[in-house]
């Protein structure tokens, strides 16, 4: 099962509190009328998106660049960032 089929099958549902929900580069939230926040979280996975030998600073740069690219695709200006991290046992 591919990424988009997985999203369609398990995570697509009618949008209730967001302007744009699951399936795009960003989720668009509207905390107050006239204000929108674009939120993007892409997790990079060792072995798929980077090698275990990569320099941590370069990996951090890549992780930020991937998410900034998603925000730019939605026409958003970055305000801040979050870190998604999955570690082996």
Protein backbone atom coordinates (compact mmCIF):
# COMPACT_ATOMS: atom_id res chain seq x y z
CA UNK A 1 0.00 0.00 0.00
CA UNK A 2 1.44 3.39 -1.00
CA UNK A 3 1.47 6.62 1.00
CA UNK A 4 -1.54 8.20 -0.70
CA UNK A 5 -3.63 5.02 -0.61
CA UNK A 6 -2.85 4.71 3.11
CA UNK A 7 -3.96 8.31 3.68
CA UNK A 8 -7.16 7.81 1.68
CA UNK A 9 -8.03 4.57 3.42
CA UNK A 10 -7.33 5.40 7.06
CA UNK A 11 -7.00 9.16 7.50
CA UNK A 12 -9.27 10.97 5.01
CA UNK A 13 -12.35 12.34 6.66
CA UNK A 14 -14.43 15.48 6.35
CA UNK A 15 -12.66 18.61 7.57
CA UNK A 16 -14.26 19.96 10.74
CA UNK A 17 -11.92 22.48 12.35
CA UNK A 18 -9.33 22.95 9.60
CA UNK A 19 -9.46 24.86 6.34
CA UNK A 20 -7.56 22.08 4.56
CA UNK A 21 -7.03 18.67 6.12
CA UNK A 22 -5.01 15.53 5.51
CA UNK A 23 -3.50 14.79 2.12
CA UNK A 24 -1.78 17.99 1.06
CA UNK A 25 1.70 19.32 1.82
CA UNK A 26 0.31 21.24 4.78
CA UNK A 27 -2.73 21.32 7.00
CA UNK A 28 -4.32 24.76 7.12
CA UNK A 29 -5.75 25.81 10.47
CA UNK A 30 -7.85 28.90 11.10
CA UNK A 31 -7.43 29.86 14.79
CA UNK A 32 -9.34 33.12 14.32
CA UNK A 33 -11.33 34.55 11.42
CA UNK A 34 -8.99 35.95 8.77
CA UNK A 35 -5.92 34.16 10.15
CA UNK A 36 -4.53 30.89 8.76
CA UNK A 37 -1.64 28.77 9.98
CA UNK A 38 -0.01 26.24 7.66
CA UNK A 39 1.42 23.26 9.53
CA UNK A 40 3.80 20.73 7.97
CA UNK A 41 5.50 17.73 9.53
CA UNK A 42 7.59 15.36 7.42
CA UNK A 43 9.54 12.72 9.29
CA UNK A 44 12.80 11.57 7.70
CA UNK A 45 13.50 7.86 8.14
CA UNK A 46 16.99 6.38 8.39
CA UNK A 47 17.71 4.05 5.51
CA UNK A 48 15.01 5.61 3.34
CA UNK A 49 15.73 9.36 3.46
CA UNK A 50 19.26 9.39 4.90
CA UNK A 51 22.14 7.10 5.83
CA UNK A 52 23.13 6.44 9.43
CA UNK A 53 26.53 8.01 8.72
CA UNK A 54 25.15 11.46 7.83
CA UNK A 55 26.39 14.40 9.88
CA UNK A 56 23.65 15.43 12.38
CA UNK A 57 23.89 19.11 11.36
CA UNK A 58 23.34 18.19 7.69
CA UNK A 59 20.43 15.96 8.65
CA UNK A 60 18.83 18.78 10.65
CA UNK A 61 19.29 21.10 7.68
CA UNK A 62 17.66 18.58 5.35
CA UNK A 63 14.72 17.98 7.70
CA UNK A 64 14.05 21.70 7.95
CA UNK A 65 14.44 22.20 4.18
CA UNK A 66 11.90 19.46 3.41
CA UNK A 67 9.28 21.08 5.62
CA UNK A 68 10.05 24.62 4.43
CA UNK A 69 9.55 23.36 0.88
CA UNK A 70 6.08 22.08 1.81
CA UNK A 71 5.19 25.46 3.33
CA UNK A 72 6.44 27.27 0.23
CA UNK A 73 4.30 24.98 -1.95
CA UNK A 74 1.28 26.28 -0.05
CA UNK A 75 2.41 29.90 -0.33
CA UNK A 76 3.07 30.18 3.41
CA UNK A 77 5.78 32.16 5.20
CA UNK A 78 7.57 30.24 7.97
CA UNK A 79 6.88 31.37 11.53
CA UNK A 80 8.51 28.57 13.50
CA UNK A 81 9.31 24.89 13.33
CA UNK A 82 8.78 21.66 15.21
CA UNK A 83 10.99 18.59 15.34
CA UNK A 84 9.66 15.09 14.68
CA UNK A 85 12.07 12.47 15.94
CA UNK A 86 11.89 8.69 15.98
CA UNK A 87 14.75 6.84 17.62
CA UNK A 88 15.62 3.14 17.61
CA UNK A 89 15.29 1.31 20.90
